[in-house]
Amino acid sequence: MSSRQLRIPGQLWLAGLEAAPEPPRPHRHNLFFALRLDEAARGTIAAMTSDLRRTFGLRSPPVTPEQLHLTLFPVASCDEPPRPDLVDRARGAAASVAAAPFTLELDRVLSFRNRRPAKPLVLAGRGASEPFAALQRRISLAVGASGLHARPHGFGTPHVTMSWDRDLGRELEVGPVPLEAREFAFIHSHVGQRRHDMLGRWPLRG
């Protein structure tokens, strides 16, 4: 019998032949509101990530500087490209949000726990930031008023994901990294493709 792969109806494969290939995973699309980082903060965090990878022998690629952000509120996660009406509703909701600019500081590095082998390595603050949480609440109310069913989101400590790797098993104190929040953005993330599309930006005004 030929050693080539031979597929049998019903997804069976003959013993002794090569294993069946896994079906391709769907291309996920995540839509979310976020604070984007200015050039100085991106450079500081990129350098910090490089030092951490060297010190702890981390091997996973870091998040690109252009994609570093603080998630404010997730809007949707789906296998298909987002519908235009969903994008328009989310944009309309964002345009109704009023909040003042603010500054926050991130001063610790840790791994968030999850069930996946790769853990998010994050730069976070020591406590919740009230201006950050207030902006999250206002976006949440606006999204709900627009008729969109937003994914649940806890209003917790702001953080920037630097990479996905093994659990550090400890929390590290770092020199505070100041972040200036002057606008927020609506982002379409193409999961696994290291690509973010900007769908809108809105300034924070006092």
N, C-alpha and C. Protein backbone atom coordinates (compact mmCIF):
# COMPACT_ATOMS: atom_id res chain seq x y z
N MET A 1 0.86 -1.19 0.00
CA MET A 1 0.00 0.00 0.00
C MET A 1 0.89 1.22 0.00
N SER A 2 0.46 2.26 -0.69
CA SER A 2 1.23 3.49 -0.76
C SER A 2 1.36 4.12 0.62
N SER A 3 2.52 4.75 0.87
CA SER A 3 2.71 5.43 2.14
C SER A 3 2.14 6.83 2.12
N ARG A 4 1.54 7.22 0.99
CA ARG A 4 0.94 8.54 0.95
C ARG A 4 -0.28 8.59 1.86
N GLN A 5 -0.63 9.82 2.28
CA GLN A 5 -1.80 9.97 3.14
C GLN A 5 -3.04 9.49 2.39
N LEU A 6 -3.90 8.76 3.08
CA LEU A 6 -5.14 8.27 2.50
C LEU A 6 -6.27 8.59 3.46
N ARG A 7 -7.15 9.48 3.04
CA ARG A 7 -8.23 9.88 3.90
C ARG A 7 -9.45 9.01 3.69
N ILE A 8 -10.11 8.63 4.78
CA ILE A 8 -11.30 7.78 4.75
C ILE A 8 -12.50 8.63 5.13
N PRO A 9 -13.65 8.47 4.46
CA PRO A 9 -14.83 9.25 4.85
C PRO A 9 -15.09 9.13 6.35
N GLY A 10 -15.54 10.23 6.95
CA GLY A 10 -15.79 10.23 8.38
C GLY A 10 -14.57 10.66 9.16
N GLN A 11 -13.56 11.25 8.49
CA GLN A 11 -12.38 11.78 9.14
C GLN A 11 -11.45 10.72 9.70
N LEU A 12 -11.57 9.44 9.28
CA LEU A 12 -10.68 8.40 9.75
C LEU A 12 -9.41 8.38 8.92
N TRP A 13 -8.31 7.93 9.55
CA TRP A 13 -7.03 7.80 8.84
C TRP A 13 -6.50 6.39 9.10
N LEU A 14 -5.94 5.76 8.07
CA LEU A 14 -5.46 4.39 8.23
C LEU A 14 -4.28 4.33 9.18
N ALA A 15 -4.26 3.27 9.99
CA ALA A 15 -3.16 3.07 10.93
C ALA A 15 -1.84 2.96 10.17
N GLY A 16 -0.80 3.57 10.74
CA GLY A 16 0.52 3.50 10.13
C GLY A 16 0.79 4.59 9.13
N LEU A 17 -0.22 5.34 8.74
CA LEU A 17 -0.03 6.45 7.83
C LEU A 17 0.15 7.74 8.62
N GLU A 18 0.49 8.81 7.93
CA GLU A 18 0.73 10.07 8.61
C GLU A 18 -0.55 10.56 9.27
N ALA A 19 -0.38 11.31 10.36
CA ALA A 19 -1.53 11.81 11.10
C ALA A 19 -2.27 12.84 10.26
N ALA A 20 -3.58 12.92 10.50
CA ALA A 20 -4.40 13.90 9.78
C ALA A 20 -3.99 15.30 10.17
N PRO A 21 -3.87 16.19 9.18
CA PRO A 21 -3.53 17.57 9.52
C PRO A 21 -4.67 18.24 10.24
N GLU A 22 -4.34 19.14 11.16
CA GLU A 22 -5.37 19.89 11.86
C GLU A 22 -6.01 20.88 10.90
N PRO A 23 -7.33 21.07 11.00
CA PRO A 23 -7.97 22.07 10.13
C PRO A 23 -7.43 23.45 10.46
N PRO A 24 -7.35 24.32 9.48
CA PRO A 24 -6.82 25.66 9.75
C PRO A 24 -7.70 26.41 10.74
N ARG A 25 -7.07 27.14 11.64
CA ARG A 25 -7.83 27.92 12.61
C ARG A 25 -8.40 29.15 11.93
N PRO A 26 -9.63 29.52 12.31
CA PRO A 26 -10.21 30.71 11.69
C PRO A 26 -9.43 31.96 12.05
N HIS A 27 -9.46 32.91 11.18
CA HIS A 27 -8.83 34.20 11.39
C HIS A 27 -9.72 35.03 12.30
N ARG A 28 -9.27 35.24 13.55
CA ARG A 28 -10.08 35.97 14.51
C ARG A 28 -9.92 37.47 14.31
N HIS A 29 -11.01 38.17 14.59
CA HIS A 29 -11.04 39.62 14.51
C HIS A 29 -11.51 40.17 15.85
N ASN A 30 -10.69 40.95 16.51
CA ASN A 30 -11.06 41.59 17.76
C ASN A 30 -11.21 43.09 17.55
N LEU A 31 -12.31 43.64 18.05
CA LEU A 31 -12.54 45.09 18.01
C LEU A 31 -12.55 45.61 19.43
N PHE A 32 -11.81 46.67 19.69
CA PHE A 32 -11.76 47.21 21.05
C PHE A 32 -11.36 48.69 21.04
N PHE A 33 -11.75 49.36 22.13
CA PHE A 33 -11.28 50.71 22.37
C PHE A 33 -10.04 50.64 23.24
N ALA A 34 -9.10 51.55 22.99
CA ALA A 34 -7.83 51.48 23.70
C ALA A 34 -7.17 52.86 23.78
N LEU A 35 -6.26 52.98 24.72
CA LEU A 35 -5.33 54.11 24.75
C LEU A 35 -4.07 53.67 24.02
N ARG A 36 -3.67 54.45 23.04
CA ARG A 36 -2.42 54.18 22.34
C ARG A 36 -1.30 54.95 23.02
N LEU A 37 -0.07 54.45 22.87
CA LEU A 37 1.08 55.03 23.54
C LEU A 37 1.80 56.00 22.62
N ASP A 38 2.36 57.07 23.21
CA ASP A 38 3.16 57.98 22.41
C ASP A 38 4.53 57.36 22.13
N GLU A 39 5.30 58.02 21.29
CA GLU A 39 6.56 57.45 20.83
C GLU A 39 7.53 57.21 21.98
N ALA A 40 7.59 58.14 22.94
CA ALA A 40 8.52 57.99 24.07
C ALA A 40 8.17 56.76 24.91
N ALA A 41 6.87 56.59 25.21
CA ALA A 41 6.45 55.43 26.02
C ALA A 41 6.69 54.13 25.28
N ARG A 42 6.42 54.13 23.96
CA ARG A 42 6.66 52.91 23.18
C ARG A 42 8.14 52.53 23.21
N GLY A 43 9.02 53.52 23.08
CA GLY A 43 10.45 53.23 23.12
C GLY A 43 10.89 52.69 24.47
N THR A 44 10.38 53.29 25.55
CA THR A 44 10.74 52.84 26.90
C THR A 44 10.29 51.41 27.14
N ILE A 45 9.06 51.09 26.74
CA ILE A 45 8.53 49.75 26.98
C ILE A 45 9.21 48.72 26.09
N ALA A 46 9.52 49.10 24.85
CA ALA A 46 10.22 48.17 23.95
C ALA A 46 11.60 47.84 24.52
N ALA A 47 12.31 48.83 25.05
CA ALA A 47 13.63 48.57 25.64
C ALA A 47 13.50 47.71 26.89
N MET A 48 12.48 47.96 27.70
CA MET A 48 12.25 47.16 28.90
C MET A 48 11.96 45.70 28.53
N THR A 49 11.14 45.50 27.51
CA THR A 49 10.82 44.15 27.06
C THR A 49 12.06 43.42 26.59
N SER A 50 12.92 44.11 25.86
CA SER A 50 14.17 43.50 25.39
C SER A 50 15.04 43.07 26.56
N ASP A 51 15.14 43.90 27.60
CA ASP A 51 15.93 43.55 28.79
C ASP A 51 15.34 42.34 29.49
N LEU A 52 14.02 42.29 29.61
CA LEU A 52 13.36 41.16 30.28
C LEU A 52 13.58 39.86 29.51
N ARG A 53 13.49 39.92 28.20
CA ARG A 53 13.69 38.72 27.39
C ARG A 53 15.11 38.19 27.57
N ARG A 54 16.07 39.11 27.63
CA ARG A 54 17.46 38.70 27.81
C ARG A 54 17.68 38.13 29.22
N THR A 55 17.16 38.81 30.24
CA THR A 55 17.38 38.41 31.63
C THR A 55 16.73 37.06 31.95
N PHE A 56 15.52 36.84 31.45
CA PHE A 56 14.77 35.64 31.81
C PHE A 56 14.75 34.58 30.71
N GLY A 57 15.46 34.81 29.64
CA GLY A 57 15.52 33.82 28.57
C GLY A 57 14.20 33.59 27.88
N LEU A 58 13.41 34.66 27.72
CA LEU A 58 12.12 34.54 27.06
C LEU A 58 12.34 34.45 25.55
N ARG A 59 11.56 33.62 24.89
CA ARG A 59 11.80 33.35 23.47
C ARG A 59 10.69 33.84 22.54
N SER A 60 9.52 34.09 23.08
CA SER A 60 8.43 34.53 22.22
C SER A 60 8.68 35.96 21.74
N PRO A 61 8.25 36.28 20.52
CA PRO A 61 8.49 37.63 20.02
C PRO A 61 7.70 38.66 20.82
N PRO A 62 8.26 39.84 21.02
CA PRO A 62 7.53 40.88 21.75
C PRO A 62 6.43 41.49 20.90
N VAL A 63 5.48 42.13 21.56
CA VAL A 63 4.49 42.93 20.84
C VAL A 63 5.23 44.07 20.15
N THR A 64 4.91 44.34 18.91
CA THR A 64 5.59 45.40 18.19
C THR A 64 5.29 46.75 18.84
N PRO A 65 6.24 47.69 18.80
CA PRO A 65 6.00 49.00 19.42
C PRO A 65 4.72 49.66 18.93
N GLU A 66 4.40 49.50 17.65
CA GLU A 66 3.21 50.14 17.08
C GLU A 66 1.91 49.56 17.64
N GLN A 67 1.97 48.35 18.18
CA GLN A 67 0.76 47.69 18.68
C GLN A 67 0.62 47.78 20.20
N LEU A 68 1.57 48.37 20.88
CA LEU A 68 1.46 48.52 22.33
C LEU A 68 0.28 49.43 22.66
N HIS A 69 -0.55 49.03 23.62
CA HIS A 69 -1.74 49.80 23.95
C HIS A 69 -2.26 49.38 25.31
N LEU A 70 -3.20 50.15 25.84
CA LEU A 70 -3.95 49.78 27.04
C LEU A 70 -5.40 49.60 26.63
N THR A 71 -5.91 48.40 26.73
CA THR A 71 -7.30 48.14 26.36
C THR A 71 -8.23 48.86 27.33
N LEU A 72 -9.20 49.58 26.77
CA LEU A 72 -10.22 50.23 27.57
C LEU A 72 -11.50 49.41 27.62
N PHE A 73 -11.94 48.93 26.44
CA PHE A 73 -13.21 48.21 26.39
C PHE A 73 -13.29 47.36 25.14
N PRO A 74 -13.51 46.04 25.28
CA PRO A 74 -13.65 45.16 24.10
C PRO A 74 -15.07 45.23 23.56
N VAL A 75 -15.19 45.36 22.25
CA VAL A 75 -16.51 45.50 21.62
C VAL A 75 -16.98 44.19 21.00
N ALA A 76 -16.08 43.47 20.28
CA ALA A 76 -16.50 42.24 19.61
C ALA A 76 -15.29 41.37 19.33
N SER A 77 -15.56 40.07 19.21
CA SER A 77 -14.55 39.09 18.81
C SER A 77 -15.25 38.07 17.93
N CYS A 78 -14.80 37.92 16.69
CA CYS A 78 -15.53 37.07 15.75
C CYS A 78 -14.59 36.47 14.71
N ASP A 79 -15.09 35.45 14.00
CA ASP A 79 -14.31 34.79 12.96
C ASP A 79 -14.39 35.52 11.62
N GLU A 80 -15.45 36.28 11.43
CA GLU A 80 -15.64 37.00 10.18
C GLU A 80 -15.22 38.45 10.35
N PRO A 81 -14.85 39.13 9.25
CA PRO A 81 -14.56 40.56 9.35
C PRO A 81 -15.74 41.31 9.93
N PRO A 82 -15.50 42.36 10.70
CA PRO A 82 -16.61 43.07 11.36
C PRO A 82 -17.58 43.69 10.36
N ARG A 83 -18.86 43.64 10.69
CA ARG A 83 -19.88 44.23 9.83
C ARG A 83 -19.78 45.76 9.85
N PRO A 84 -20.01 46.41 8.73
CA PRO A 84 -19.95 47.89 8.70
C PRO A 84 -20.89 48.54 9.69
N ASP A 85 -22.10 47.96 9.90
CA ASP A 85 -23.04 48.59 10.82
C ASP A 85 -22.53 48.53 12.26
N LEU A 86 -21.83 47.44 12.62
CA LEU A 86 -21.24 47.34 13.95
C LEU A 86 -20.17 48.40 14.14
N VAL A 87 -19.32 48.56 13.14
CA VAL A 87 -18.26 49.57 13.22
C VAL A 87 -18.85 50.96 13.33
N ASP A 88 -19.89 51.25 12.56
CA ASP A 88 -20.52 52.57 12.59
C ASP A 88 -21.16 52.85 13.95
N ARG A 89 -21.82 51.85 14.52
CA ARG A 89 -22.44 52.04 15.84
C ARG A 89 -21.38 52.31 16.90
N ALA A 90 -20.28 51.56 16.86
CA ALA A 90 -19.22 51.76 17.84
C ALA A 90 -18.59 53.15 17.69
N ARG A 91 -18.40 53.57 16.46
CA ARG A 91 -17.86 54.92 16.22
C ARG A 91 -18.80 55.99 16.77
N GLY A 92 -20.09 55.80 16.52
CA GLY A 92 -21.06 56.76 17.03
C GLY A 92 -21.05 56.81 18.55
N ALA A 93 -20.91 55.65 19.19
CA ALA A 93 -20.83 55.61 20.65
C ALA A 93 -19.60 56.37 21.14
N ALA A 94 -18.46 56.15 20.49
CA ALA A 94 -17.22 56.80 20.92
C ALA A 94 -17.32 58.31 20.79
N ALA A 95 -17.99 58.78 19.75
CA ALA A 95 -18.09 60.23 19.53
C ALA A 95 -18.89 60.92 20.63
N SER A 96 -19.70 60.16 21.37
CA SER A 96 -20.51 60.75 22.44
C SER A 96 -19.81 60.77 23.79
N VAL A 97 -18.61 60.18 23.87
CA VAL A 97 -17.90 60.07 25.15
C VAL A 97 -17.13 61.35 25.44
N ALA A 98 -17.33 61.91 26.62
CA ALA A 98 -16.61 63.10 27.05
C ALA A 98 -15.79 62.77 28.29
N ALA A 99 -14.51 63.04 28.24
CA ALA A 99 -13.62 62.79 29.38
C ALA A 99 -12.40 63.68 29.25
N ALA A 100 -11.81 64.03 30.39
CA ALA A 100 -10.64 64.91 30.40
C ALA A 100 -9.36 64.10 30.22
N PRO A 101 -8.31 64.71 29.66
CA PRO A 101 -7.01 64.04 29.59
C PRO A 101 -6.50 63.72 30.99
N PHE A 102 -5.65 62.71 31.08
CA PHE A 102 -5.07 62.35 32.38
C PHE A 102 -3.73 61.67 32.17
N THR A 103 -3.00 61.52 33.25
CA THR A 103 -1.71 60.83 33.24
C THR A 103 -1.78 59.65 34.20
N LEU A 104 -1.21 58.54 33.82
CA LEU A 104 -1.10 57.40 34.73
C LEU A 104 0.30 56.83 34.66
N GLU A 105 0.69 56.12 35.70
CA GLU A 105 2.02 55.53 35.77
C GLU A 105 1.92 54.02 35.94
N LEU A 106 2.75 53.30 35.20
CA LEU A 106 2.84 51.84 35.32
C LEU A 106 4.19 51.51 35.93
N ASP A 107 4.19 50.66 36.97
CA ASP A 107 5.42 50.49 37.74
C ASP A 107 5.72 49.06 38.18
N ARG A 108 5.09 48.07 37.56
CA ARG A 108 5.40 46.68 37.91
C ARG A 108 5.23 45.80 36.69
N VAL A 109 6.01 44.73 36.66
CA VAL A 109 5.94 43.74 35.58
C VAL A 109 5.54 42.41 36.18
N LEU A 110 4.61 41.73 35.57
CA LEU A 110 4.16 40.42 36.06
C LEU A 110 3.53 39.64 34.92
N SER A 111 3.27 38.37 35.16
CA SER A 111 2.57 37.51 34.20
C SER A 111 1.14 37.32 34.68
N PHE A 112 0.19 37.57 33.80
CA PHE A 112 -1.20 37.27 34.12
C PHE A 112 -1.43 35.78 33.95
N ARG A 113 -2.19 35.19 34.85
CA ARG A 113 -2.48 33.76 34.81
C ARG A 113 -3.66 33.48 33.88
N ASN A 114 -3.54 32.43 33.08
CA ASN A 114 -4.65 31.95 32.27
C ASN A 114 -4.45 30.46 32.04
N ARG A 115 -5.31 29.85 31.26
CA ARG A 115 -5.23 28.40 31.04
C ARG A 115 -4.36 28.05 29.83
N ARG A 116 -3.88 29.04 29.12
CA ARG A 116 -3.07 28.79 27.95
C ARG A 116 -1.61 28.64 28.34
N PRO A 117 -0.82 27.91 27.56
CA PRO A 117 0.60 27.77 27.89
C PRO A 117 1.34 29.10 27.93
N ALA A 118 1.01 29.98 26.98
CA ALA A 118 1.66 31.29 26.94
C ALA A 118 0.88 32.27 27.81
N LYS A 119 1.59 32.95 28.71
CA LYS A 119 0.97 33.91 29.61
C LYS A 119 1.30 35.33 29.15
N PRO A 120 0.35 36.26 29.28
CA PRO A 120 0.66 37.64 28.94
C PRO A 120 1.63 38.25 29.95
N LEU A 121 2.76 38.74 29.46
CA LEU A 121 3.72 39.47 30.27
C LEU A 121 3.34 40.94 30.17
N VAL A 122 3.00 41.56 31.30
CA VAL A 122 2.41 42.89 31.25
C VAL A 122 3.17 43.88 32.12
N LEU A 123 3.07 45.14 31.72
CA LEU A 123 3.50 46.27 32.53
C LEU A 123 2.23 46.89 33.08
N ALA A 124 2.11 46.95 34.40
CA ALA A 124 0.86 47.36 35.03
C ALA A 124 1.12 48.40 36.11
N GLY A 125 0.02 48.99 36.58
CA GLY A 125 0.09 49.90 37.71
C GLY A 125 -0.16 49.15 39.01
N ARG A 126 0.23 49.77 40.10
CA ARG A 126 0.07 49.10 41.39
C ARG A 126 -1.38 49.12 41.86
N GLY A 127 -2.12 50.08 41.43
CA GLY A 127 -3.52 50.15 41.82
C GLY A 127 -4.36 50.67 40.68
N ALA A 128 -5.68 50.64 40.86
CA ALA A 128 -6.58 51.12 39.81
C ALA A 128 -6.43 52.62 39.66
N SER A 129 -6.54 53.10 38.44
CA SER A 129 -6.51 54.53 38.14
C SER A 129 -7.95 54.99 37.97
N GLU A 130 -8.40 55.91 38.81
CA GLU A 130 -9.78 56.36 38.74
C GLU A 130 -10.10 57.04 37.41
N PRO A 131 -9.24 57.92 36.87
CA PRO A 131 -9.57 58.49 35.55
C PRO A 131 -9.66 57.42 34.46
N PHE A 132 -8.80 56.42 34.52
CA PHE A 132 -8.84 55.33 33.54
C PHE A 132 -10.14 54.55 33.67
N ALA A 133 -10.50 54.20 34.91
CA ALA A 133 -11.74 53.45 35.15
C ALA A 133 -12.96 54.28 34.75
N ALA A 134 -12.91 55.59 35.00
CA ALA A 134 -14.04 56.46 34.64
C ALA A 134 -14.23 56.49 33.13
N LEU A 135 -13.13 56.53 32.38
CA LEU A 135 -13.22 56.51 30.92
C LEU A 135 -13.80 55.17 30.45
N GLN A 136 -13.39 54.08 31.07
CA GLN A 136 -13.95 52.77 30.73
C GLN A 136 -15.46 52.75 30.94
N ARG A 137 -15.91 53.28 32.08
CA ARG A 137 -17.34 53.28 32.39
C ARG A 137 -18.13 54.11 31.37
N ARG A 138 -17.57 55.24 30.99
CA ARG A 138 -18.27 56.10 30.03
C ARG A 138 -18.37 55.43 28.66
N ILE A 139 -17.30 54.77 28.25
CA ILE A 139 -17.36 54.04 26.99
C ILE A 139 -18.35 52.89 27.07
N SER A 140 -18.36 52.18 28.20
CA SER A 140 -19.29 51.07 28.38
C SER A 140 -20.74 51.55 28.27
N LEU A 141 -21.06 52.67 28.91
CA LEU A 141 -22.42 53.20 28.86
C LEU A 141 -22.78 53.63 27.43
N ALA A 142 -21.83 54.25 26.74
CA ALA A 142 -22.09 54.70 25.37
C ALA A 142 -22.30 53.52 24.43
N VAL A 143 -21.48 52.48 24.58
CA VAL A 143 -21.62 51.30 23.74
C VAL A 143 -22.97 50.62 24.00
N GLY A 144 -23.35 50.51 25.27
CA GLY A 144 -24.64 49.92 25.59
C GLY A 144 -25.80 50.72 25.04
N ALA A 145 -25.70 52.06 25.10
CA ALA A 145 -26.77 52.91 24.60
C ALA A 145 -26.89 52.82 23.07
N SER A 146 -25.81 52.43 22.41
CA SER A 146 -25.84 52.32 20.95
C SER A 146 -26.54 51.05 20.47
N GLY A 147 -26.86 50.16 21.41
CA GLY A 147 -27.53 48.91 21.05
C GLY A 147 -26.59 47.76 20.81
N LEU A 148 -25.29 47.97 20.98
CA LEU A 148 -24.32 46.89 20.80
C LEU A 148 -24.25 46.05 22.06
N HIS A 149 -24.04 44.75 21.87
CA HIS A 149 -23.84 43.86 23.00
C HIS A 149 -22.34 43.71 23.21
N ALA A 150 -21.79 44.50 24.10
CA ALA A 150 -20.35 44.46 24.34
C ALA A 150 -19.99 43.29 25.23
N ARG A 151 -18.79 42.78 25.06
CA ARG A 151 -18.30 41.71 25.92
C ARG A 151 -18.10 42.26 27.33
N PRO A 152 -18.33 41.42 28.36
CA PRO A 152 -18.11 41.88 29.72
C PRO A 152 -16.65 42.29 29.92
N HIS A 153 -16.46 43.28 30.76
CA HIS A 153 -15.09 43.75 31.02
C HIS A 153 -15.04 44.32 32.42
N GLY A 154 -14.09 43.82 33.22
CA GLY A 154 -13.90 44.35 34.56
C GLY A 154 -13.10 45.63 34.52
N PHE A 155 -13.46 46.58 35.33
CA PHE A 155 -12.77 47.86 35.36
C PHE A 155 -11.64 47.78 36.37
N GLY A 156 -10.55 47.14 35.97
CA GLY A 156 -9.44 46.89 36.88
C GLY A 156 -8.21 47.71 36.56
N THR A 157 -7.08 47.18 36.94
CA THR A 157 -5.82 47.87 36.79
C THR A 157 -5.42 47.98 35.32
N PRO A 158 -5.06 49.18 34.87
CA PRO A 158 -4.59 49.31 33.48
C PRO A 158 -3.27 48.60 33.28
N HIS A 159 -3.06 48.06 32.07
CA HIS A 159 -1.82 47.34 31.79
C HIS A 159 -1.52 47.35 30.29
N VAL A 160 -0.26 47.16 29.96
CA VAL A 160 0.20 47.03 28.59
C VAL A 160 0.79 45.63 28.43
N THR A 161 0.29 44.84 27.49
CA THR A 161 0.87 43.52 27.23
C THR A 161 2.12 43.68 26.38
N MET A 162 3.24 43.13 26.87
CA MET A 162 4.52 43.28 26.19
C MET A 162 4.87 42.06 25.34
N SER A 163 4.45 40.88 25.79
CA SER A 163 4.67 39.65 25.03
C SER A 163 3.82 38.55 25.64
N TRP A 164 3.82 37.38 24.98
CA TRP A 164 3.14 36.19 25.49
C TRP A 164 4.20 35.10 25.63
N ASP A 165 4.45 34.68 26.87
CA ASP A 165 5.54 33.75 27.10
C ASP A 165 5.25 32.94 28.36
N ARG A 166 6.26 32.30 28.92
CA ARG A 166 6.06 31.51 30.14
C ARG A 166 5.84 32.45 31.33
N ASP A 167 5.28 31.88 32.40
CA ASP A 167 5.01 32.64 33.62
C ASP A 167 6.34 33.01 34.29
N LEU A 168 6.54 34.30 34.56
CA LEU A 168 7.76 34.70 35.26
C LEU A 168 7.80 34.16 36.69
N GLY A 169 6.63 33.94 37.27
CA GLY A 169 6.59 33.41 38.63
C GLY A 169 6.91 34.43 39.69
N ARG A 170 6.97 35.69 39.33
CA ARG A 170 7.26 36.74 40.29
C ARG A 170 6.76 38.07 39.75
N GLU A 171 6.72 39.04 40.65
CA GLU A 171 6.36 40.40 40.26
C GLU A 171 7.59 41.29 40.43
N LEU A 172 7.87 42.10 39.44
CA LEU A 172 9.05 42.94 39.45
C LEU A 172 8.65 44.41 39.55
N GLU A 173 9.32 45.14 40.43
CA GLU A 173 9.12 46.58 40.48
C GLU A 173 10.03 47.25 39.47
N VAL A 174 9.50 48.22 38.76
CA VAL A 174 10.29 48.95 37.76
C VAL A 174 10.09 50.44 37.98
N GLY A 175 11.01 51.22 37.41
CA GLY A 175 10.85 52.66 37.48
C GLY A 175 9.55 53.07 36.81
N PRO A 176 8.76 53.94 37.40
CA PRO A 176 7.45 54.29 36.83
C PRO A 176 7.57 54.77 35.38
N VAL A 177 6.70 54.24 34.55
CA VAL A 177 6.61 54.66 33.15
C VAL A 177 5.38 55.54 33.03
N PRO A 178 5.55 56.85 32.83
CA PRO A 178 4.39 57.73 32.72
C PRO A 178 3.74 57.63 31.34
N LEU A 179 2.41 57.58 31.34
CA LEU A 179 1.66 57.52 30.10
C LEU A 179 0.68 58.69 30.06
N GLU A 180 0.73 59.45 29.00
CA GLU A 180 -0.16 60.60 28.84
C GLU A 180 -1.37 60.18 28.00
N ALA A 181 -2.54 60.20 28.61
CA ALA A 181 -3.78 59.85 27.89
C ALA A 181 -4.39 61.13 27.35
N ARG A 182 -4.27 61.31 26.04
CA ARG A 182 -4.79 62.51 25.38
C ARG A 182 -5.87 62.18 24.35
N GLU A 183 -5.99 60.91 23.99
CA GLU A 183 -7.02 60.47 23.06
C GLU A 183 -7.23 58.97 23.25
N PHE A 184 -8.34 58.47 22.73
CA PHE A 184 -8.54 57.03 22.71
C PHE A 184 -8.90 56.61 21.30
N ALA A 185 -8.72 55.32 21.00
CA ALA A 185 -8.83 54.83 19.63
C ALA A 185 -9.74 53.60 19.57
N PHE A 186 -10.27 53.36 18.38
CA PHE A 186 -11.05 52.15 18.08
C PHE A 186 -10.19 51.31 17.14
N ILE A 187 -9.87 50.08 17.57
CA ILE A 187 -8.88 49.26 16.87
C ILE A 187 -9.47 47.93 16.43
N HIS A 188 -9.12 47.53 15.23
CA HIS A 188 -9.45 46.20 14.69
C HIS A 188 -8.16 45.39 14.69
N SER A 189 -8.09 44.39 15.56
CA SER A 189 -6.92 43.52 15.65
C SER A 189 -7.15 42.25 14.85
N HIS A 190 -6.23 41.94 13.94
CA HIS A 190 -6.25 40.69 13.20
C HIS A 190 -5.40 39.69 14.00
N VAL A 191 -6.07 38.87 14.79
CA VAL A 191 -5.39 38.03 15.78
C VAL A 191 -4.42 37.07 15.10
N GLY A 192 -3.19 37.04 15.63
CA GLY A 192 -2.17 36.14 15.11
C GLY A 192 -1.43 36.67 13.91
N GLN A 193 -1.82 37.82 13.40
CA GLN A 193 -1.17 38.37 12.21
C GLN A 193 -0.35 39.62 12.52
N ARG A 194 -0.29 39.99 13.82
CA ARG A 194 0.49 41.16 14.23
C ARG A 194 0.09 42.38 13.42
N ARG A 195 -1.23 42.58 13.31
CA ARG A 195 -1.74 43.70 12.52
C ARG A 195 -2.89 44.36 13.25
N HIS A 196 -2.82 45.68 13.37
CA HIS A 196 -3.89 46.49 13.92
C HIS A 196 -4.33 47.51 12.88
N ASP A 197 -5.64 47.60 12.66
CA ASP A 197 -6.20 48.64 11.80
C ASP A 197 -6.86 49.70 12.67
N MET A 198 -6.56 50.96 12.41
CA MET A 198 -7.17 52.06 13.15
C MET A 198 -8.52 52.40 12.53
N LEU A 199 -9.59 52.31 13.33
CA LEU A 199 -10.94 52.58 12.84
C LEU A 199 -11.47 53.93 13.30
N GLY A 200 -10.75 54.59 14.18
CA GLY A 200 -11.19 55.91 14.65
C GLY A 200 -10.38 56.38 15.84
N ARG A 201 -10.30 57.71 16.00
CA ARG A 201 -9.58 58.31 17.13
C ARG A 201 -10.38 59.50 17.62
N TRP A 202 -10.43 59.66 18.96
CA TRP A 202 -11.19 60.75 19.56
C TRP A 202 -10.38 61.40 20.67
N PRO A 203 -10.23 62.71 20.63
CA PRO A 203 -9.44 63.40 21.66
C PRO A 203 -10.17 63.44 23.01
N LEU A 204 -9.40 63.44 24.09
CA LEU A 204 -9.96 63.67 25.42
C LEU A 204 -9.85 65.16 25.70
N ARG A 205 -10.95 65.76 26.11
CA ARG A 205 -10.99 67.20 26.36
C ARG A 205 -11.51 67.47 27.76
N GLY A 206 -10.91 68.43 28.43
CA GLY A 206 -11.33 68.78 29.78
C GLY A 206 -12.66 69.53 29.80
